[in-house]
């Protein structure tokens, strides 16, 4: 029984090391000053050209999403392990997540 506890403790220490290292890295990055805070604050309204660029980028991302969906749907084969309906559902889910990710990244810029 004592040997089992020692082995479990050893495994816990080994597994905990990388987790603590990741926490330390996050703390160091949080403690370092960010470049964003040193930059002068910008007004919340974007210039007209930036809004137009943003709208064009959003439209381009959505158009690309439609192309992704079309390609995914065309990749289905009758001998697949999924029915056409299951494949379509999976394609839509993946494309929606991809478009959402791209839109979130576009907003951060």
C-alpha atoms as a PDB file:
ATOM      1  CA  UNK A   1       0.000   0.000   0.000  1.00  0.00           C
ATOM      2  CA  UNK A   2       2.812   2.381   0.871  1.00  0.00           C
ATOM      3  CA  UNK A   3       4.577   1.629  -2.409  1.00  0.00           C
ATOM      4  CA  UNK A   4       1.420   2.474  -4.373  1.00  0.00           C
ATOM      5  CA  UNK A   5       1.132   5.815  -2.579  1.00  0.00           C
ATOM      6  CA  UNK A   6       4.776   6.619  -3.319  1.00  0.00           C
ATOM      7  CA  UNK A   7       4.316   5.805  -6.991  1.00  0.00           C
ATOM      8  CA  UNK A   8       1.173   7.956  -7.169  1.00  0.00           C
ATOM      9  CA  UNK A   9       2.957  10.818  -5.437  1.00  0.00           C
ATOM     10  CA  UNK A  10       5.896  10.537  -7.833  1.00  0.00           C
ATOM     11  CA  UNK A  11       3.548  10.590 -10.842  1.00  0.00           C
ATOM     12  CA  UNK A  12       1.739  13.605  -9.428  1.00  0.00           C
ATOM     13  CA  UNK A  13       5.013  15.495  -8.989  1.00  0.00           C
ATOM     14  CA  UNK A  14       6.143  14.600 -12.510  1.00  0.00           C
ATOM     15  CA  UNK A  15       2.819  15.578 -14.064  1.00  0.00           C
ATOM     16  CA  UNK A  16       2.586  18.784 -12.027  1.00  0.00           C
ATOM     17  CA  UNK A  17       5.927  20.164 -13.199  1.00  0.00           C
ATOM     18  CA  UNK A  18       4.848  21.149 -16.723  1.00  0.00           C
ATOM     19  CA  UNK A  19       1.601  22.590 -15.402  1.00  0.00           C
ATOM     20  CA  UNK A  20       3.497  24.837 -13.004  1.00  0.00           C
ATOM     21  CA  UNK A  21       5.893  25.875 -15.766  1.00  0.00           C
ATOM     22  CA  UNK A  22       2.960  26.974 -17.930  1.00  0.00           C
ATOM     23  CA  UNK A  23       1.497  28.989 -15.072  1.00  0.00           C
ATOM     24  CA  UNK A  24       4.830  30.726 -14.521  1.00  0.00           C
ATOM     25  CA  UNK A  25       5.079  31.621 -18.214  1.00  0.00           C
ATOM     26  CA  UNK A  26       1.601  33.153 -18.134  1.00  0.00           C
ATOM     27  CA  UNK A  27       2.456  35.134 -15.013  1.00  0.00           C
ATOM     28  CA  UNK A  28       5.648  36.461 -16.588  1.00  0.00           C
ATOM     29  CA  UNK A  29       3.815  37.586 -19.716  1.00  0.00           C
ATOM     30  CA  UNK A  30       1.130  39.245 -17.585  1.00  0.00           C
ATOM     31  CA  UNK A  31       3.751  41.015 -15.483  1.00  0.00           C
ATOM     32  CA  UNK A  32       5.601  42.416 -18.493  1.00  0.00           C
ATOM     33  CA  UNK A  33       4.356  45.759 -19.769  1.00  0.00           C
ATOM     34  CA  UNK A  34       2.348  45.543 -22.945  1.00  0.00           C
ATOM     35  CA  UNK A  35       3.016  47.640 -25.985  1.00  0.00           C
ATOM     36  CA  UNK A  36      -0.676  48.428 -26.231  1.00  0.00           C
ATOM     37  CA  UNK A  37      -0.704  50.289 -22.923  1.00  0.00           C
ATOM     38  CA  UNK A  38       2.156  52.539 -23.971  1.00  0.00           C
ATOM     39  CA  UNK A  39       0.461  53.540 -27.231  1.00  0.00           C
ATOM     40  CA  UNK A  40      -1.743  56.605 -27.201  1.00  0.00           C
ATOM     41  CA  UNK A  41      -5.407  55.821 -26.846  1.00  0.00           C
ATOM     42  CA  UNK A  42      -7.409  55.863 -30.051  1.00  0.00           C
ATOM     43  CA  UNK A  43     -10.973  56.988 -30.329  1.00  0.00           C
ATOM     44  CA  UNK A  44     -13.560  54.236 -30.467  1.00  0.00           C
ATOM     45  CA  UNK A  45     -14.887  55.332 -33.836  1.00  0.00           C
ATOM     46  CA  UNK A  46     -13.038  54.105 -36.871  1.00  0.00           C
ATOM     47  CA  UNK A  47     -12.383  56.310 -39.867  1.00  0.00           C
ATOM     48  CA  UNK A  48     -14.708  55.700 -42.806  1.00  0.00           C
ATOM     49  CA  UNK A  49     -11.980  53.976 -44.851  1.00  0.00           C
ATOM     50  CA  UNK A  50     -11.177  51.608 -41.976  1.00  0.00           C
ATOM     51  CA  UNK A  51     -14.864  50.726 -41.630  1.00  0.00           C
ATOM     52  CA  UNK A  52     -15.090  50.063 -45.365  1.00  0.00           C
ATOM     53  CA  UNK A  53     -11.950  47.891 -45.196  1.00  0.00           C
ATOM     54  CA  UNK A  54     -13.401  46.049 -42.228  1.00  0.00           C
ATOM     55  CA  UNK A  55     -16.696  45.411 -44.026  1.00  0.00           C
ATOM     56  CA  UNK A  56     -14.812  44.219 -47.113  1.00  0.00           C
ATOM     57  CA  UNK A  57     -12.716  41.868 -44.976  1.00  0.00           C
ATOM     58  CA  UNK A  58     -15.829  40.472 -43.266  1.00  0.00           C
ATOM     59  CA  UNK A  59     -17.464  39.892 -46.643  1.00  0.00           C
ATOM     60  CA  UNK A  60     -14.316  38.185 -47.938  1.00  0.00           C
ATOM     61  CA  UNK A  61     -14.220  35.894 -44.887  1.00  0.00           C
ATOM     62  CA  UNK A  62     -17.887  34.960 -45.317  1.00  0.00           C
ATOM     63  CA  UNK A  63     -17.356  34.331 -49.051  1.00  0.00           C
ATOM     64  CA  UNK A  64     -14.385  32.120 -48.233  1.00  0.00           C
ATOM     65  CA  UNK A  65     -16.572  30.259 -45.736  1.00  0.00           C
ATOM     66  CA  UNK A  66     -19.099  29.559 -48.492  1.00  0.00           C
ATOM     67  CA  UNK A  67     -16.268  28.152 -50.634  1.00  0.00           C
ATOM     68  CA  UNK A  68     -15.075  25.993 -47.727  1.00  0.00           C
ATOM     69  CA  UNK A  69     -18.596  24.619 -47.294  1.00  0.00           C
ATOM     70  CA  UNK A  70     -18.966  23.870 -50.988  1.00  0.00           C
ATOM     71  CA  UNK A  71     -15.600  22.062 -51.074  1.00  0.00           C
ATOM     72  CA  UNK A  72     -16.444  20.069 -47.965  1.00  0.00           C
ATOM     73  CA  UNK A  73     -19.824  19.022 -49.314  1.00  0.00           C
ATOM     74  CA  UNK A  74     -18.232  17.944 -52.601  1.00  0.00           C
ATOM     75  CA  UNK A  75     -15.773  15.732 -50.704  1.00  0.00           C
ATOM     76  CA  UNK A  76     -18.530  13.386 -49.494  1.00  0.00           C
ATOM     77  CA  UNK A  77     -18.488   9.885 -50.956  1.00  0.00           C
ATOM     78  CA  UNK A  78     -21.278   7.332 -50.865  1.00  0.00           C
ATOM     79  CA  UNK A  79     -18.956   4.743 -49.314  1.00  0.00           C
ATOM     80  CA  UNK A  80     -18.173   7.112 -46.462  1.00  0.00           C
ATOM     81  CA  UNK A  81     -18.828   6.130 -42.858  1.00  0.00           C
ATOM     82  CA  UNK A  82     -21.270   9.048 -42.644  1.00  0.00           C
ATOM     83  CA  UNK A  83     -24.583   9.649 -44.348  1.00  0.00           C
ATOM     84  CA  UNK A  84     -24.936  12.676 -46.612  1.00  0.00           C
ATOM     85  CA  UNK A  85     -26.999  14.412 -43.904  1.00  0.00           C
ATOM     86  CA  UNK A  86     -24.364  13.718 -41.204  1.00  0.00           C
ATOM     87  CA  UNK A  87     -21.611  14.905 -43.538  1.00  0.00           C
ATOM     88  CA  UNK A  88     -23.495  18.120 -44.306  1.00  0.00           C
ATOM     89  CA  UNK A  89     -24.056  18.774 -40.622  1.00  0.00           C
ATOM     90  CA  UNK A  90     -20.373  18.226 -39.840  1.00  0.00           C
ATOM     91  CA  UNK A  91     -19.286  20.452 -42.729  1.00  0.00           C
ATOM     92  CA  UNK A  92     -21.588  23.268 -41.601  1.00  0.00           C
ATOM     93  CA  UNK A  93     -20.358  23.027 -38.016  1.00  0.00           C
ATOM     94  CA  UNK A  94     -16.684  23.096 -39.019  1.00  0.00           C
ATOM     95  CA  UNK A  95     -17.148  25.965 -41.480  1.00  0.00           C
ATOM     96  CA  UNK A  96     -19.143  28.025 -38.959  1.00  0.00           C
ATOM     97  CA  UNK A  97     -16.395  27.598 -36.369  1.00  0.00           C
ATOM     98  CA  UNK A  98     -13.710  28.479 -38.914  1.00  0.00           C
ATOM     99  CA  UNK A  99     -15.549  31.614 -40.038  1.00  0.00           C
ATOM    100  CA  UNK A 100     -16.203  32.628 -36.424  1.00  0.00           C
ATOM    101  CA  UNK A 101     -12.485  32.217 -35.637  1.00  0.00           C
ATOM    102  CA  UNK A 102     -11.447  34.277 -38.659  1.00  0.00           C
ATOM    103  CA  UNK A 103     -13.971  37.011 -37.852  1.00  0.00           C
ATOM    104  CA  UNK A 104     -12.800  37.186 -34.233  1.00  0.00           C
ATOM    105  CA  UNK A 105      -9.205  37.545 -35.400  1.00  0.00           C
ATOM    106  CA  UNK A 106     -10.182  40.235 -37.910  1.00  0.00           C
ATOM    107  CA  UNK A 107     -11.902  42.249 -35.151  1.00  0.00           C
ATOM    108  CA  UNK A 108      -8.776  42.133 -32.970  1.00  0.00           C
ATOM    109  CA  UNK A 109      -6.654  43.815 -35.621  1.00  0.00           C
END
